[in-house]
C-alpha cells in the first residue's frame, strides 16, 4: 500500500470500498483483513453507513453502487 498506515489515501479507500461492494457480505471481512488498519476502519465505517442508508444513496441495501456515488464525486 502506498499510503501512510495512519493516513490512507482516498484512492486506497475507494478501491477497497468498491471491492467490498462487489463481494458477498460474508467475504468482506476476509478481504478487509488484508488491508491496513486505517483503510479497513474507513471502509468499515462507509459500509456501516451504506447499510443504514437503505435507499438513501440511490440503491437498495446490499446492491452495489458506484463508489463515486457514495463519495459524492
C-alpha atoms as a PDB file:
ATOM      1  CA  UNK A   1       0.000   0.000   0.000  1.00  0.00           C
ATOM      2  CA  UNK A   2       1.406   3.334  -0.996  1.00  0.00           C
ATOM      3  CA  UNK A   3      -0.081   5.462   1.771  1.00  0.00           C
ATOM      4  CA  UNK A   4       0.989   6.020   5.342  1.00  0.00           C
ATOM      5  CA  UNK A   5      -0.673   3.425   7.614  1.00  0.00           C
ATOM      6  CA  UNK A   6      -2.309   6.139   9.731  1.00  0.00           C
ATOM      7  CA  UNK A   7      -3.319   8.386   6.844  1.00  0.00           C
ATOM      8  CA  UNK A   8      -4.660   6.358   3.929  1.00  0.00           C
ATOM      9  CA  UNK A   9      -5.108   7.883   0.521  1.00  0.00           C
ATOM     10  CA  UNK A  10      -8.681   8.182  -0.653  1.00  0.00           C
ATOM     11  CA  UNK A  11      -7.741   6.176  -3.732  1.00  0.00           C
ATOM     12  CA  UNK A  12      -6.900   3.223  -1.465  1.00  0.00           C
ATOM     13  CA  UNK A  13     -10.180   3.602   0.421  1.00  0.00           C
ATOM     14  CA  UNK A  14     -12.131   3.957  -2.814  1.00  0.00           C
ATOM     15  CA  UNK A  15     -10.521   0.833  -4.288  1.00  0.00           C
ATOM     16  CA  UNK A  16     -11.190  -1.210  -1.143  1.00  0.00           C
ATOM     17  CA  UNK A  17     -14.773   0.036  -0.842  1.00  0.00           C
ATOM     18  CA  UNK A  18     -15.503  -0.799  -4.471  1.00  0.00           C
ATOM     19  CA  UNK A  19     -14.046  -4.275  -3.988  1.00  0.00           C
ATOM     20  CA  UNK A  20     -16.154  -4.835  -0.863  1.00  0.00           C
ATOM     21  CA  UNK A  21     -19.340  -3.820  -2.626  1.00  0.00           C
ATOM     22  CA  UNK A  22     -18.620  -6.406  -5.297  1.00  0.00           C
ATOM     23  CA  UNK A  23     -18.053  -9.186  -2.740  1.00  0.00           C
ATOM     24  CA  UNK A  24     -20.740 -11.167  -0.973  1.00  0.00           C
ATOM     25  CA  UNK A  25     -21.188  -9.742   2.521  1.00  0.00           C
ATOM     26  CA  UNK A  26     -19.759 -12.866   4.181  1.00  0.00           C
ATOM     27  CA  UNK A  27     -16.444 -12.425   2.291  1.00  0.00           C
ATOM     28  CA  UNK A  28     -15.868  -8.753   3.105  1.00  0.00           C
ATOM     29  CA  UNK A  29     -14.192  -9.303   6.480  1.00  0.00           C
ATOM     30  CA  UNK A  30     -11.554 -11.572   4.983  1.00  0.00           C
ATOM     31  CA  UNK A  31     -10.809  -9.028   2.266  1.00  0.00           C
ATOM     32  CA  UNK A  32     -10.625  -6.148   4.743  1.00  0.00           C
ATOM     33  CA  UNK A  33      -8.281  -8.134   6.996  1.00  0.00           C
ATOM     34  CA  UNK A  34      -5.704  -7.812   4.199  1.00  0.00           C
ATOM     35  CA  UNK A  35      -5.903  -4.003   4.217  1.00  0.00           C
ATOM     36  CA  UNK A  36      -4.117  -1.576   6.525  1.00  0.00           C
ATOM     37  CA  UNK A  37      -5.912  -0.756   9.767  1.00  0.00           C
ATOM     38  CA  UNK A  38      -6.709   2.784   8.627  1.00  0.00           C
ATOM     39  CA  UNK A  39      -8.148   1.696   5.264  1.00  0.00           C
ATOM     40  CA  UNK A  40     -10.089  -1.090   6.982  1.00  0.00           C
ATOM     41  CA  UNK A  41     -11.530   1.370   9.516  1.00  0.00           C
ATOM     42  CA  UNK A  42     -12.623   3.858   6.866  1.00  0.00           C
ATOM     43  CA  UNK A  43     -14.196   1.173   4.686  1.00  0.00           C
ATOM     44  CA  UNK A  44     -15.969  -0.446   7.636  1.00  0.00           C
ATOM     45  CA  UNK A  45     -17.404   2.960   8.515  1.00  0.00           C
ATOM     46  CA  UNK A  46     -18.555   3.529   4.932  1.00  0.00           C
ATOM     47  CA  UNK A  47     -20.085   0.053   4.749  1.00  0.00           C
ATOM     48  CA  UNK A  48     -21.954   0.619   8.011  1.00  0.00           C
ATOM     49  CA  UNK A  49     -23.324   3.936   6.726  1.00  0.00           C
ATOM     50  CA  UNK A  50     -24.261   2.281   3.446  1.00  0.00           C
ATOM     51  CA  UNK A  51     -26.109  -0.468   5.294  1.00  0.00           C
ATOM     52  CA  UNK A  52     -28.026   2.036   7.440  1.00  0.00           C
ATOM     53  CA  UNK A  53     -28.943   4.223   4.478  1.00  0.00           C
ATOM     54  CA  UNK A  54     -31.339   1.819   2.795  1.00  0.00           C
ATOM     55  CA  UNK A  55     -32.329   3.512  -0.449  1.00  0.00           C
ATOM     56  CA  UNK A  56     -30.992   6.913   0.589  1.00  0.00           C
ATOM     57  CA  UNK A  57     -27.834   6.594  -1.507  1.00  0.00           C
ATOM     58  CA  UNK A  58     -29.715   5.652  -4.628  1.00  0.00           C
ATOM     59  CA  UNK A  59     -29.598   1.890  -4.379  1.00  0.00           C
ATOM     60  CA  UNK A  60     -31.076  -0.954  -2.479  1.00  0.00           C
ATOM     61  CA  UNK A  61     -29.189  -2.085   0.615  1.00  0.00           C
ATOM     62  CA  UNK A  62     -26.687  -4.726  -0.419  1.00  0.00           C
ATOM     63  CA  UNK A  63     -26.827  -3.760  -4.089  1.00  0.00           C
ATOM     64  CA  UNK A  64     -23.502  -2.482  -5.457  1.00  0.00           C
ATOM     65  CA  UNK A  65     -23.410   1.214  -6.260  1.00  0.00           C
ATOM     66  CA  UNK A  66     -20.585   3.088  -7.951  1.00  0.00           C
ATOM     67  CA  UNK A  67     -18.133   4.269  -5.302  1.00  0.00           C
ATOM     68  CA  UNK A  68     -18.209   7.743  -6.835  1.00  0.00           C
ATOM     69  CA  UNK A  69     -21.893   7.921  -5.921  1.00  0.00           C
ATOM     70  CA  UNK A  70     -21.136   7.036  -2.295  1.00  0.00           C
ATOM     71  CA  UNK A  71     -18.348   9.585  -2.051  1.00  0.00           C
ATOM     72  CA  UNK A  72     -20.337  12.285  -3.834  1.00  0.00           C
ATOM     73  CA  UNK A  73     -17.971  12.571  -6.785  1.00  0.00           C
END
